[in-house]
């Protein structure tokens, strides 16, 4: 769903522990790459890695951002995340409270968009 001319997206990203999840969440919000990040502890993941089935307790990040911010968010996540291949995928918002969607768009800034520097 579009808010303020940009599509709102929710991104999912798993982290190995609470400390890395908090550090990444704070950086994304401080850098205005996300309006809000929820930390959901208690996630147990089962996945295939290097041809073996693995199990891990993780913290899931639910990141609220915009489509325009995704490239910068991806770069920042890669710089911050301890995993060799962090999970990151975005889901477009199909609807929501218009004022909340507008709040997301208002609190995410993309450097260079409309002549700003991301402030």
PDB file of N, CA and C in Angstrom:
ATOM      1  N   UNK A   1       0.848  -1.169   0.000  1.00  0.00           N
ATOM      2  CA  UNK A   1       0.000   0.000   0.000  1.00  0.00           C
ATOM      3  C   UNK A   1       0.894   1.233   0.000  1.00  0.00           C
ATOM      4  N   UNK A   2       0.519   2.206  -0.748  1.00  0.00           N
ATOM      5  CA  UNK A   2       1.306   3.423  -0.886  1.00  0.00           C
ATOM      6  C   UNK A   2       0.962   4.400   0.224  1.00  0.00           C
ATOM      7  N   UNK A   3       2.006   5.008   0.770  1.00  0.00           N
ATOM      8  CA  UNK A   3       1.828   6.044   1.790  1.00  0.00           C
ATOM      9  C   UNK A   3       2.787   7.167   1.447  1.00  0.00           C
ATOM     10  N   UNK A   4       2.268   8.343   1.217  1.00  0.00           N
ATOM     11  CA  UNK A   4       3.145   9.460   0.890  1.00  0.00           C
ATOM     12  C   UNK A   4       3.892   9.237  -0.404  1.00  0.00           C
ATOM     13  N   UNK A   5       3.313   8.455  -1.324  1.00  0.00           N
ATOM     14  CA  UNK A   5       3.953   8.239  -2.607  1.00  0.00           C
ATOM     15  C   UNK A   5       4.928   7.077  -2.644  1.00  0.00           C
ATOM     16  N   UNK A   6       5.120   6.367  -1.535  1.00  0.00           N
ATOM     17  CA  UNK A   6       6.034   5.234  -1.522  1.00  0.00           C
ATOM     18  C   UNK A   6       5.314   4.022  -0.943  1.00  0.00           C
ATOM     19  N   UNK A   7       5.697   2.848  -1.393  1.00  0.00           N
ATOM     20  CA  UNK A   7       5.087   1.612  -0.939  1.00  0.00           C
ATOM     21  C   UNK A   7       5.680   1.205   0.402  1.00  0.00           C
ATOM     22  N   UNK A   8       4.818   0.942   1.371  1.00  0.00           N
ATOM     23  CA  UNK A   8       5.249   0.458   2.674  1.00  0.00           C
ATOM     24  C   UNK A   8       5.516  -1.039   2.566  1.00  0.00           C
ATOM     25  N   UNK A   9       6.620  -1.477   3.153  1.00  0.00           N
ATOM     26  CA  UNK A   9       6.970  -2.894   3.170  1.00  0.00           C
ATOM     27  C   UNK A   9       7.364  -3.306   4.584  1.00  0.00           C
ATOM     28  N   UNK A  10       7.149  -4.571   4.881  1.00  0.00           N
ATOM     29  CA  UNK A  10       7.625  -5.181   6.114  1.00  0.00           C
ATOM     30  C   UNK A  10       8.724  -6.155   5.730  1.00  0.00           C
ATOM     31  N   UNK A  11       9.857  -6.035   6.386  1.00  0.00           N
ATOM     32  CA  UNK A  11      10.985  -6.928   6.111  1.00  0.00           C
ATOM     33  C   UNK A  11      11.168  -7.874   7.286  1.00  0.00           C
ATOM     34  N   UNK A  12      11.546  -9.090   6.988  1.00  0.00           N
ATOM     35  CA  UNK A  12      11.838 -10.091   8.002  1.00  0.00           C
ATOM     36  C   UNK A  12      13.328 -10.414   7.972  1.00  0.00           C
ATOM     37  N   UNK A  13      13.909 -10.497   9.160  1.00  0.00           N
ATOM     38  CA  UNK A  13      15.329 -10.803   9.276  1.00  0.00           C
ATOM     39  C   UNK A  13      15.560 -11.531  10.593  1.00  0.00           C
ATOM     40  N   UNK A  14      16.238 -12.656  10.555  1.00  0.00           N
ATOM     41  CA  UNK A  14      16.559 -13.368  11.790  1.00  0.00           C
ATOM     42  C   UNK A  14      17.955 -12.998  12.263  1.00  0.00           C
ATOM     43  N   UNK A  15      18.115 -12.981  13.588  1.00  0.00           N
ATOM     44  CA  UNK A  15      19.400 -12.683  14.233  1.00  0.00           C
ATOM     45  C   UNK A  15      19.724 -13.809  15.210  1.00  0.00           C
ATOM     46  N   UNK A  16      21.007 -14.041  15.461  1.00  0.00           N
ATOM     47  CA  UNK A  16      21.375 -15.173  16.319  1.00  0.00           C
ATOM     48  C   UNK A  16      21.091 -14.958  17.798  1.00  0.00           C
ATOM     49  N   UNK A  17      20.943 -13.695  18.230  1.00  0.00           N
ATOM     50  CA  UNK A  17      20.746 -13.430  19.659  1.00  0.00           C
ATOM     51  C   UNK A  17      20.138 -12.044  19.864  1.00  0.00           C
ATOM     52  N   UNK A  18      19.729 -11.788  21.099  1.00  0.00           N
ATOM     53  CA  UNK A  18      19.079 -10.531  21.452  1.00  0.00           C
ATOM     54  C   UNK A  18      20.012  -9.334  21.263  1.00  0.00           C
ATOM     55  N   UNK A  19      21.280  -9.482  21.597  1.00  0.00           N
ATOM     56  CA  UNK A  19      22.219  -8.361  21.485  1.00  0.00           C
ATOM     57  C   UNK A  19      22.381  -7.901  20.041  1.00  0.00           C
ATOM     58  N   UNK A  20      22.602  -8.834  19.126  1.00  0.00           N
ATOM     59  CA  UNK A  20      22.756  -8.434  17.723  1.00  0.00           C
ATOM     60  C   UNK A  20      21.445  -7.894  17.167  1.00  0.00           C
ATOM     61  N   UNK A  21      20.321  -8.462  17.588  1.00  0.00           N
ATOM     62  CA  UNK A  21      19.015  -7.977  17.127  1.00  0.00           C
ATOM     63  C   UNK A  21      18.787  -6.537  17.583  1.00  0.00           C
ATOM     64  N   UNK A  22      19.088  -6.240  18.839  1.00  0.00           N
ATOM     65  CA  UNK A  22      18.923  -4.873  19.356  1.00  0.00           C
ATOM     66  C   UNK A  22      19.847  -3.892  18.647  1.00  0.00           C
ATOM     67  N   UNK A  23      21.073  -4.306  18.420  1.00  0.00           N
ATOM     68  CA  UNK A  23      22.059  -3.437  17.757  1.00  0.00           C
ATOM     69  C   UNK A  23      21.615  -3.111  16.331  1.00  0.00           C
ATOM     70  N   UNK A  24      21.179  -4.107  15.601  1.00  0.00           N
ATOM     71  CA  UNK A  24      20.734  -3.905  14.223  1.00  0.00           C
ATOM     72  C   UNK A  24      19.462  -3.056  14.189  1.00  0.00           C
ATOM     73  N   UNK A  25      18.504  -3.371  15.056  1.00  0.00           N
ATOM     74  CA  UNK A  25      17.248  -2.617  15.095  1.00  0.00           C
ATOM     75  C   UNK A  25      17.513  -1.143  15.394  1.00  0.00           C
ATOM     76  N   UNK A  26      18.335  -0.874  16.381  1.00  0.00           N
ATOM     77  CA  UNK A  26      18.633   0.515  16.745  1.00  0.00           C
ATOM     78  C   UNK A  26      19.308   1.255  15.596  1.00  0.00           C
ATOM     79  N   UNK A  27      20.248   0.610  14.939  1.00  0.00           N
ATOM     80  CA  UNK A  27      20.954   1.260  13.824  1.00  0.00           C
ATOM     81  C   UNK A  27      19.996   1.579  12.676  1.00  0.00           C
ATOM     82  N   UNK A  28      19.103   0.658  12.345  1.00  0.00           N
ATOM     83  CA  UNK A  28      18.178   0.888  11.238  1.00  0.00           C
ATOM     84  C   UNK A  28      17.232   2.048  11.528  1.00  0.00           C
ATOM     85  N   UNK A  29      16.754   2.143  12.771  1.00  0.00           N
ATOM     86  CA  UNK A  29      15.859   3.240  13.133  1.00  0.00           C
ATOM     87  C   UNK A  29      16.640   4.552  13.234  1.00  0.00           C
ATOM     88  N   UNK A  30      17.816   4.519  13.872  1.00  0.00           N
ATOM     89  CA  UNK A  30      18.630   5.731  13.994  1.00  0.00           C
ATOM     90  C   UNK A  30      19.027   6.282  12.630  1.00  0.00           C
ATOM     91  N   UNK A  31      19.312   5.396  11.683  1.00  0.00           N
ATOM     92  CA  UNK A  31      19.700   5.808  10.327  1.00  0.00           C
ATOM     93  C   UNK A  31      18.491   6.154   9.455  1.00  0.00           C
ATOM     94  N   UNK A  32      17.294   6.069  10.014  1.00  0.00           N
ATOM     95  CA  UNK A  32      16.034   6.363   9.318  1.00  0.00           C
ATOM     96  C   UNK A  32      15.792   5.437   8.118  1.00  0.00           C
ATOM     97  N   UNK A  33      16.329   4.231   8.209  1.00  0.00           N
ATOM     98  CA  UNK A  33      16.069   3.213   7.193  1.00  0.00           C
ATOM     99  C   UNK A  33      14.826   2.404   7.555  1.00  0.00           C
ATOM    100  N   UNK A  34      14.381   2.538   8.795  1.00  0.00           N
ATOM    101  CA  UNK A  34      13.161   1.894   9.275  1.00  0.00           C
ATOM    102  C   UNK A  34      12.476   2.850  10.237  1.00  0.00           C
ATOM    103  N   UNK A  35      11.147   2.842  10.210  1.00  0.00           N
ATOM    104  CA  UNK A  35      10.383   3.649  11.159  1.00  0.00           C
ATOM    105  C   UNK A  35      10.273   2.921  12.495  1.00  0.00           C
ATOM    106  N   UNK A  36      10.243   1.600  12.442  1.00  0.00           N
ATOM    107  CA  UNK A  36      10.052   0.777  13.633  1.00  0.00           C
ATOM    108  C   UNK A  36      10.600  -0.614  13.336  1.00  0.00           C
ATOM    109  N   UNK A  37      11.179  -1.229  14.360  1.00  0.00           N
ATOM    110  CA  UNK A  37      11.615  -2.617  14.254  1.00  0.00           C
ATOM    111  C   UNK A  37      11.136  -3.347  15.501  1.00  0.00           C
ATOM    112  N   UNK A  38      10.357  -4.401  15.315  1.00  0.00           N
ATOM    113  CA  UNK A  38       9.937  -5.254  16.431  1.00  0.00           C
ATOM    114  C   UNK A  38      10.919  -6.410  16.546  1.00  0.00           C
ATOM    115  N   UNK A  39      11.280  -6.741  17.776  1.00  0.00           N
ATOM    116  CA  UNK A  39      12.136  -7.887  18.046  1.00  0.00           C
ATOM    117  C   UNK A  39      11.260  -8.989  18.628  1.00  0.00           C
ATOM    118  N   UNK A  40      11.197 -10.115  17.932  1.00  0.00           N
ATOM    119  CA  UNK A  40      10.360 -11.234  18.340  1.00  0.00           C
ATOM    120  C   UNK A  40      11.253 -12.394  18.775  1.00  0.00           C
ATOM    121  N   UNK A  41      11.461 -12.541  20.083  1.00  0.00           N
ATOM    122  CA  UNK A  41      12.327 -13.623  20.569  1.00  0.00           C
ATOM    123  C   UNK A  41      11.607 -14.968  20.513  1.00  0.00           C
ATOM    124  N   UNK A  42      12.362 -16.019  20.727  1.00  0.00           N
ATOM    125  CA  UNK A  42      11.765 -17.341  20.834  1.00  0.00           C
ATOM    126  C   UNK A  42      11.481 -18.024  19.512  1.00  0.00           C
ATOM    127  N   UNK A  43      12.084 -17.540  18.437  1.00  0.00           N
ATOM    128  CA  UNK A  43      11.910 -18.171  17.129  1.00  0.00           C
ATOM    129  C   UNK A  43      12.879 -19.355  17.034  1.00  0.00           C
ATOM    130  N   UNK A  44      12.366 -20.484  16.627  1.00  0.00           N
ATOM    131  CA  UNK A  44      13.235 -21.632  16.367  1.00  0.00           C
ATOM    132  C   UNK A  44      13.208 -21.897  14.873  1.00  0.00           C
ATOM    133  N   UNK A  45      14.369 -21.862  14.248  1.00  0.00           N
ATOM    134  CA  UNK A  45      14.470 -22.042  12.801  1.00  0.00           C
ATOM    135  C   UNK A  45      15.056 -23.404  12.462  1.00  0.00           C
ATOM    136  N   UNK A  46      14.508 -23.996  11.418  1.00  0.00           N
ATOM    137  CA  UNK A  46      15.036 -25.232  10.842  1.00  0.00           C
ATOM    138  C   UNK A  46      15.318 -24.919   9.390  1.00  0.00           C
ATOM    139  N   UNK A  47      16.561 -25.125   8.958  1.00  0.00           N
ATOM    140  CA  UNK A  47      16.961 -24.712   7.619  1.00  0.00           C
ATOM    141  C   UNK A  47      18.110 -25.584   7.109  1.00  0.00           C
ATOM    142  N   UNK A  48      18.298 -25.536   5.811  1.00  0.00           N
ATOM    143  CA  UNK A  48      19.413 -26.264   5.200  1.00  0.00           C
ATOM    144  C   UNK A  48      20.551 -25.289   4.967  1.00  0.00           C
ATOM    145  N   UNK A  49      21.744 -25.653   5.431  1.00  0.00           N
ATOM    146  CA  UNK A  49      22.918 -24.800   5.265  1.00  0.00           C
ATOM    147  C   UNK A  49      24.126 -25.679   5.029  1.00  0.00           C
ATOM    148  N   UNK A  50      24.851 -25.403   3.949  1.00  0.00           N
ATOM    149  CA  UNK A  50      26.025 -26.201   3.570  1.00  0.00           C
ATOM    150  C   UNK A  50      25.690 -27.693   3.560  1.00  0.00           C
ATOM    151  N   UNK A  51      24.549 -28.024   2.938  1.00  0.00           N
ATOM    152  CA  UNK A  51      24.095 -29.389   2.707  1.00  0.00           C
ATOM    153  C   UNK A  51      23.773 -30.178   3.983  1.00  0.00           C
ATOM    154  N   UNK A  52      23.496 -29.439   5.075  1.00  0.00           N
ATOM    155  CA  UNK A  52      23.081 -30.097   6.316  1.00  0.00           C
ATOM    156  C   UNK A  52      21.837 -29.392   6.858  1.00  0.00           C
ATOM    157  N   UNK A  53      20.991 -30.141   7.537  1.00  0.00           N
ATOM    158  CA  UNK A  53      19.825 -29.551   8.179  1.00  0.00           C
ATOM    159  C   UNK A  53      20.265 -29.021   9.545  1.00  0.00           C
ATOM    160  N   UNK A  54      20.009 -27.751   9.766  1.00  0.00           N
ATOM    161  CA  UNK A  54      20.418 -27.068  10.996  1.00  0.00           C
ATOM    162  C   UNK A  54      19.196 -26.643  11.795  1.00  0.00           C
ATOM    163  N   UNK A  55      19.374 -26.463  13.097  1.00  0.00           N
ATOM    164  CA  UNK A  55      18.360 -25.937  14.013  1.00  0.00           C
ATOM    165  C   UNK A  55      19.002 -24.801  14.782  1.00  0.00           C
ATOM    166  N   UNK A  56      18.267 -23.693  14.959  1.00  0.00           N
ATOM    167  CA  UNK A  56      18.828 -22.565  15.705  1.00  0.00           C
ATOM    168  C   UNK A  56      17.715 -21.779  16.389  1.00  0.00           C
ATOM    169  N   UNK A  57      17.988 -21.354  17.618  1.00  0.00           N
ATOM    170  CA  UNK A  57      17.115 -20.405  18.300  1.00  0.00           C
ATOM    171  C   UNK A  57      17.554 -19.014  17.865  1.00  0.00           C
ATOM    172  N   UNK A  58      16.589 -18.203  17.418  1.00  0.00           N
ATOM    173  CA  UNK A  58      16.905 -16.895  16.858  1.00  0.00           C
ATOM    174  C   UNK A  58      15.910 -15.844  17.347  1.00  0.00           C
ATOM    175  N   UNK A  59      16.216 -14.600  17.039  1.00  0.00           N
ATOM    176  CA  UNK A  59      15.324 -13.470  17.268  1.00  0.00           C
ATOM    177  C   UNK A  59      14.930 -12.951  15.899  1.00  0.00           C
ATOM    178  N   UNK A  60      13.626 -12.809  15.671  1.00  0.00           N
ATOM    179  CA  UNK A  60      13.132 -12.323  14.384  1.00  0.00           C
ATOM    180  C   UNK A  60      12.917 -10.821  14.453  1.00  0.00           C
ATOM    181  N   UNK A  61      13.463 -10.094  13.483  1.00  0.00           N
ATOM    182  CA  UNK A  61      13.207  -8.672  13.338  1.00  0.00           C
ATOM    183  C   UNK A  61      12.071  -8.490  12.346  1.00  0.00           C
ATOM    184  N   UNK A  62      11.096  -7.661  12.708  1.00  0.00           N
ATOM    185  CA  UNK A  62      10.029  -7.249  11.808  1.00  0.00           C
ATOM    186  C   UNK A  62      10.252  -5.760  11.573  1.00  0.00           C
ATOM    187  N   UNK A  63      10.728  -5.431  10.392  1.00  0.00           N
ATOM    188  CA  UNK A  63      11.187  -4.083  10.062  1.00  0.00           C
ATOM    189  C   UNK A  63      10.140  -3.389   9.199  1.00  0.00           C
ATOM    190  N   UNK A  64       9.662  -2.209   9.639  1.00  0.00           N
ATOM    191  CA  UNK A  64       8.702  -1.431   8.854  1.00  0.00           C
ATOM    192  C   UNK A  64       9.442  -0.328   8.140  1.00  0.00           C
ATOM    193  N   UNK A  65       9.358  -0.335   6.810  1.00  0.00           N
ATOM    194  CA  UNK A  65      10.112   0.610   6.000  1.00  0.00           C
ATOM    195  C   UNK A  65       9.353   0.888   4.702  1.00  0.00           C
ATOM    196  N   UNK A  66      10.061   1.448   3.728  1.00  0.00           N
ATOM    197  CA  UNK A  66       9.472   1.720   2.415  1.00  0.00           C
ATOM    198  C   UNK A  66      10.300   1.036   1.337  1.00  0.00           C
ATOM    199  N   UNK A  67       9.671   0.840   0.196  1.00  0.00           N
ATOM    200  CA  UNK A  67      10.379   0.221  -0.927  1.00  0.00           C
ATOM    201  C   UNK A  67      11.609   1.039  -1.330  1.00  0.00           C
ATOM    202  N   UNK A  68      11.480   2.357  -1.299  1.00  0.00           N
ATOM    203  CA  UNK A  68      12.599   3.219  -1.694  1.00  0.00           C
ATOM    204  C   UNK A  68      13.805   3.055  -0.785  1.00  0.00           C
ATOM    205  N   UNK A  69      13.577   2.701   0.477  1.00  0.00           N
ATOM    206  CA  UNK A  69      14.677   2.557   1.434  1.00  0.00           C
ATOM    207  C   UNK A  69      15.335   1.178   1.384  1.00  0.00           C
ATOM    208  N   UNK A  70      14.739   0.226   0.672  1.00  0.00           N
ATOM    209  CA  UNK A  70      15.256  -1.150   0.686  1.00  0.00           C
ATOM    210  C   UNK A  70      16.719  -1.287   0.269  1.00  0.00           C
ATOM    211  N   UNK A  71      17.172  -0.645  -0.804  1.00  0.00           N
ATOM    212  CA  UNK A  71      18.583  -0.827  -1.168  1.00  0.00           C
ATOM    213  C   UNK A  71      19.546  -0.372  -0.061  1.00  0.00           C
ATOM    214  N   UNK A  72      19.272   0.768   0.544  1.00  0.00           N
ATOM    215  CA  UNK A  72      20.137   1.257   1.622  1.00  0.00           C
ATOM    216  C   UNK A  72      20.012   0.381   2.863  1.00  0.00           C
ATOM    217  N   UNK A  73      18.800  -0.072   3.175  1.00  0.00           N
ATOM    218  CA  UNK A  73      18.593  -0.958   4.310  1.00  0.00           C
ATOM    219  C   UNK A  73      19.356  -2.260   4.110  1.00  0.00           C
ATOM    220  N   UNK A  74      19.301  -2.798   2.914  1.00  0.00           N
ATOM    221  CA  UNK A  74      20.026  -4.034   2.608  1.00  0.00           C
ATOM    222  C   UNK A  74      21.523  -3.862   2.804  1.00  0.00           C
ATOM    223  N   UNK A  75      22.074  -2.781   2.308  1.00  0.00           N
ATOM    224  CA  UNK A  75      23.513  -2.530   2.465  1.00  0.00           C
ATOM    225  C   UNK A  75      23.898  -2.401   3.929  1.00  0.00           C
ATOM    226  N   UNK A  76      23.090  -1.667   4.688  1.00  0.00           N
ATOM    227  CA  UNK A  76      23.381  -1.458   6.109  1.00  0.00           C
ATOM    228  C   UNK A  76      23.271  -2.773   6.869  1.00  0.00           C
ATOM    229  N   UNK A  77      22.255  -3.569   6.555  1.00  0.00           N
ATOM    230  CA  UNK A  77      22.081  -4.860   7.210  1.00  0.00           C
ATOM    231  C   UNK A  77      23.281  -5.769   6.957  1.00  0.00           C
ATOM    232  N   UNK A  78      23.746  -5.807   5.727  1.00  0.00           N
ATOM    233  CA  UNK A  78      24.912  -6.637   5.406  1.00  0.00           C
ATOM    234  C   UNK A  78      26.151  -6.202   6.189  1.00  0.00           C
ATOM    235  N   UNK A  79      26.295  -4.911   6.420  1.00  0.00           N
ATOM    236  CA  UNK A  79      27.446  -4.399   7.175  1.00  0.00           C
ATOM    237  C   UNK A  79      27.334  -4.727   8.665  1.00  0.00           C
ATOM    238  N   UNK A  80      26.121  -4.810   9.191  1.00  0.00           N
ATOM    239  CA  UNK A  80      25.912  -4.997  10.623  1.00  0.00           C
ATOM    240  C   UNK A  80      25.741  -6.446  11.053  1.00  0.00           C
ATOM    241  N   UNK A  81      25.228  -7.278  10.183  1.00  0.00           N
ATOM    242  CA  UNK A  81      24.772  -8.616  10.580  1.00  0.00           C
ATOM    243  C   UNK A  81      25.925  -9.601  10.734  1.00  0.00           C
ATOM    244  N   UNK A  82      25.888 -10.425  11.781  1.00  0.00           N
ATOM    245  CA  UNK A  82      26.976 -11.394  11.981  1.00  0.00           C
ATOM    246  C   UNK A  82      26.905 -12.629  11.077  1.00  0.00           C
ATOM    247  N   UNK A  83      25.745 -12.900  10.470  1.00  0.00           N
ATOM    248  CA  UNK A  83      25.637 -14.088   9.628  1.00  0.00           C
ATOM    249  C   UNK A  83      26.347 -13.884   8.293  1.00  0.00           C
ATOM    250  N   UNK A  84      26.876 -14.978   7.772  1.00  0.00           N
ATOM    251  CA  UNK A  84      27.482 -14.978   6.438  1.00  0.00           C
ATOM    252  C   UNK A  84      26.442 -14.616   5.374  1.00  0.00           C
ATOM    253  N   UNK A  85      25.232 -15.127   5.528  1.00  0.00           N
ATOM    254  CA  UNK A  85      24.129 -14.842   4.610  1.00  0.00           C
ATOM    255  C   UNK A  85      22.883 -14.524   5.433  1.00  0.00           C
ATOM    256  N   UNK A  86      22.688 -13.256   5.779  1.00  0.00           N
ATOM    257  CA  UNK A  86      21.514 -12.902   6.591  1.00  0.00           C
ATOM    258  C   UNK A  86      20.215 -13.100   5.817  1.00  0.00           C
ATOM    259  N   UNK A  87      19.180 -13.474   6.561  1.00  0.00           N
ATOM    260  CA  UNK A  87      17.840 -13.537   5.978  1.00  0.00           C
ATOM    261  C   UNK A  87      17.321 -12.113   5.840  1.00  0.00           C
ATOM    262  N   UNK A  88      16.844 -11.778   4.672  1.00  0.00           N
ATOM    263  CA  UNK A  88      16.160 -10.507   4.473  1.00  0.00           C
ATOM    264  C   UNK A  88      15.224 -10.666   3.287  1.00  0.00           C
ATOM    265  N   UNK A  89      13.939 -10.488   3.551  1.00  0.00           N
ATOM    266  CA  UNK A  89      13.005 -10.378   2.444  1.00  0.00           C
ATOM    267  C   UNK A  89      11.905  -9.410   2.849  1.00  0.00           C
ATOM    268  N   UNK A  90      11.331  -8.785   1.824  1.00  0.00           N
ATOM    269  CA  UNK A  90      10.339  -7.737   2.036  1.00  0.00           C
ATOM    270  C   UNK A  90       8.992  -8.186   1.499  1.00  0.00           C
ATOM    271  N   UNK A  91       7.943  -7.812   2.232  1.00  0.00           N
ATOM    272  CA  UNK A  91       6.576  -8.114   1.848  1.00  0.00           C
ATOM    273  C   UNK A  91       5.834  -6.787   1.735  1.00  0.00           C
ATOM    274  N   UNK A  92       5.228  -6.549   0.576  1.00  0.00           N
ATOM    275  CA  UNK A  92       4.474  -5.307   0.399  1.00  0.00           C
ATOM    276  C   UNK A  92       3.227  -5.315   1.263  1.00  0.00           C
ATOM    277  N   UNK A  93       2.931  -4.171   1.810  1.00  0.00           N
ATOM    278  CA  UNK A  93       1.752  -3.992   2.645  1.00  0.00           C
ATOM    279  C   UNK A  93       0.510  -3.897   1.750  1.00  0.00           C
ATOM    280  N   UNK A  94      -0.462  -4.764   1.998  1.00  0.00           N
ATOM    281  CA  UNK A  94      -1.698  -4.761   1.203  1.00  0.00           C
ATOM    282  C   UNK A  94      -2.715  -3.765   1.732  1.00  0.00           C
ATOM    283  N   UNK A  95      -2.526  -3.293   2.947  1.00  0.00           N
ATOM    284  CA  UNK A  95      -3.462  -2.355   3.542  1.00  0.00           C
ATOM    285  C   UNK A  95      -3.061  -2.058   4.962  1.00  0.00           C
ATOM    286  N   UNK A  96      -3.790  -1.154   5.579  1.00  0.00           N
ATOM    287  CA  UNK A  96      -3.503  -0.803   6.956  1.00  0.00           C
ATOM    288  C   UNK A  96      -4.122   0.536   7.302  1.00  0.00           C
ATOM    289  N   UNK A  97      -3.977   0.923   8.528  1.00  0.00           N
ATOM    290  CA  UNK A  97      -4.482   2.205   8.977  1.00  0.00           C
ATOM    291  C   UNK A  97      -3.717   3.310   8.250  1.00  0.00           C
ATOM    292  N   UNK A  98      -4.382   4.127   7.456  1.00  0.00           N
ATOM    293  CA  UNK A  98      -3.680   5.135   6.657  1.00  0.00           C
ATOM    294  C   UNK A  98      -2.739   6.033   7.468  1.00  0.00           C
ATOM    295  N   UNK A  99      -3.155   6.429   8.657  1.00  0.00           N
ATOM    296  CA  UNK A  99      -2.294   7.289   9.475  1.00  0.00           C
ATOM    297  C   UNK A  99      -1.019   6.556   9.879  1.00  0.00           C
ATOM    298  N   UNK A 100      -1.107   5.262  10.173  1.00  0.00           N
ATOM    299  CA  UNK A 100       0.084   4.489  10.544  1.00  0.00           C
ATOM    300  C   UNK A 100       1.015   4.315   9.341  1.00  0.00           C
ATOM    301  N   UNK A 101       0.447   4.005   8.192  1.00  0.00           N
ATOM    302  CA  UNK A 101       1.264   3.871   6.987  1.00  0.00           C
ATOM    303  C   UNK A 101       1.956   5.184   6.654  1.00  0.00           C
ATOM    304  N   UNK A 102       1.246   6.291   6.838  1.00  0.00           N
ATOM    305  CA  UNK A 102       1.843   7.602   6.630  1.00  0.00           C
ATOM    306  C   UNK A 102       2.968   7.870   7.611  1.00  0.00           C
ATOM    307  N   UNK A 103       2.786   7.427   8.864  1.00  0.00           N
ATOM    308  CA  UNK A 103       3.826   7.582   9.878  1.00  0.00           C
ATOM    309  C   UNK A 103       5.095   6.824   9.466  1.00  0.00           C
ATOM    310  N   UNK A 104       4.933   5.623   8.927  1.00  0.00           N
ATOM    311  CA  UNK A 104       6.099   4.866   8.450  1.00  0.00           C
ATOM    312  C   UNK A 104       6.820   5.670   7.374  1.00  0.00           C
ATOM    313  N   UNK A 105       6.083   6.113   6.370  1.00  0.00           N
ATOM    314  CA  UNK A 105       6.699   6.871   5.274  1.00  0.00           C
ATOM    315  C   UNK A 105       7.368   8.142   5.774  1.00  0.00           C
ATOM    316  N   UNK A 106       6.759   8.814   6.746  1.00  0.00           N
ATOM    317  CA  UNK A 106       7.317  10.062   7.278  1.00  0.00           C
ATOM    318  C   UNK A 106       8.584   9.844   8.086  1.00  0.00           C
ATOM    319  N   UNK A 107       8.764   8.649   8.625  1.00  0.00           N
ATOM    320  CA  UNK A 107       9.904   8.393   9.497  1.00  0.00           C
ATOM    321  C   UNK A 107      11.004   7.568   8.853  1.00  0.00           C
ATOM    322  N   UNK A 108      10.881   7.333   7.564  1.00  0.00           N
ATOM    323  CA  UNK A 108      11.939   6.678   6.790  1.00  0.00           C
ATOM    324  C   UNK A 108      12.437   7.707   5.785  1.00  0.00           C
ATOM    325  N   UNK A 109      13.741   7.884   5.721  1.00  0.00           N
ATOM    326  CA  UNK A 109      14.322   8.865   4.805  1.00  0.00           C
ATOM    327  C   UNK A 109      15.346   8.162   3.929  1.00  0.00           C
ATOM    328  N   UNK A 110      15.340   8.508   2.657  1.00  0.00           N
ATOM    329  CA  UNK A 110      16.288   7.915   1.718  1.00  0.00           C
ATOM    330  C   UNK A 110      17.228   9.023   1.261  1.00  0.00           C
ATOM    331  N   UNK A 111      18.510   8.852   1.518  1.00  0.00           N
ATOM    332  CA  UNK A 111      19.500   9.869   1.118  1.00  0.00           C
ATOM    333  C   UNK A 111      19.422  10.130  -0.362  1.00  0.00           C
ATOM    334  N   UNK A 112      19.402  11.399  -0.719  1.00  0.00           N
ATOM    335  CA  UNK A 112      19.388  11.797  -2.125  1.00  0.00           C
ATOM    336  C   UNK A 112      18.001  11.910  -2.722  1.00  0.00           C
ATOM    337  N   UNK A 113      16.971  11.407  -2.029  1.00  0.00           N
ATOM    338  CA  UNK A 113      15.606  11.518  -2.550  1.00  0.00           C
ATOM    339  C   UNK A 113      15.109  12.943  -2.366  1.00  0.00           C
ATOM    340  N   UNK A 114      14.587  13.513  -3.425  1.00  0.00           N
ATOM    341  CA  UNK A 114      14.048  14.878  -3.388  1.00  0.00           C
ATOM    342  C   UNK A 114      15.061  15.884  -2.879  1.00  0.00           C
ATOM    343  N   UNK A 115      16.350  15.620  -3.111  1.00  0.00           N
ATOM    344  CA  UNK A 115      17.389  16.558  -2.738  1.00  0.00           C
ATOM    345  C   UNK A 115      17.793  16.519  -1.291  1.00  0.00           C
ATOM    346  N   UNK A 116      17.213  15.590  -0.476  1.00  0.00           N
ATOM    347  CA  UNK A 116      17.621  15.553   0.923  1.00  0.00           C
ATOM    348  C   UNK A 116      18.820  14.640   1.106  1.00  0.00           C
ATOM    349  N   UNK A 117      19.306  14.598   2.315  1.00  0.00           N
ATOM    350  CA  UNK A 117      20.457  13.763   2.628  1.00  0.00           C
ATOM    351  C   UNK A 117      20.084  12.662   3.606  1.00  0.00           C
ATOM    352  N   UNK A 118      18.801  12.350   3.683  1.00  0.00           N
ATOM    353  CA  UNK A 118      18.371  11.303   4.591  1.00  0.00           C
ATOM    354  C   UNK A 118      18.053  11.821   5.968  1.00  0.00           C
ATOM    355  N   UNK A 119      18.033  13.118   6.174  1.00  0.00           N
ATOM    356  CA  UNK A 119      17.724  13.702   7.491  1.00  0.00           C
ATOM    357  C   UNK A 119      16.263  14.012   7.603  1.00  0.00           C
TER     358      UNK A 119
END
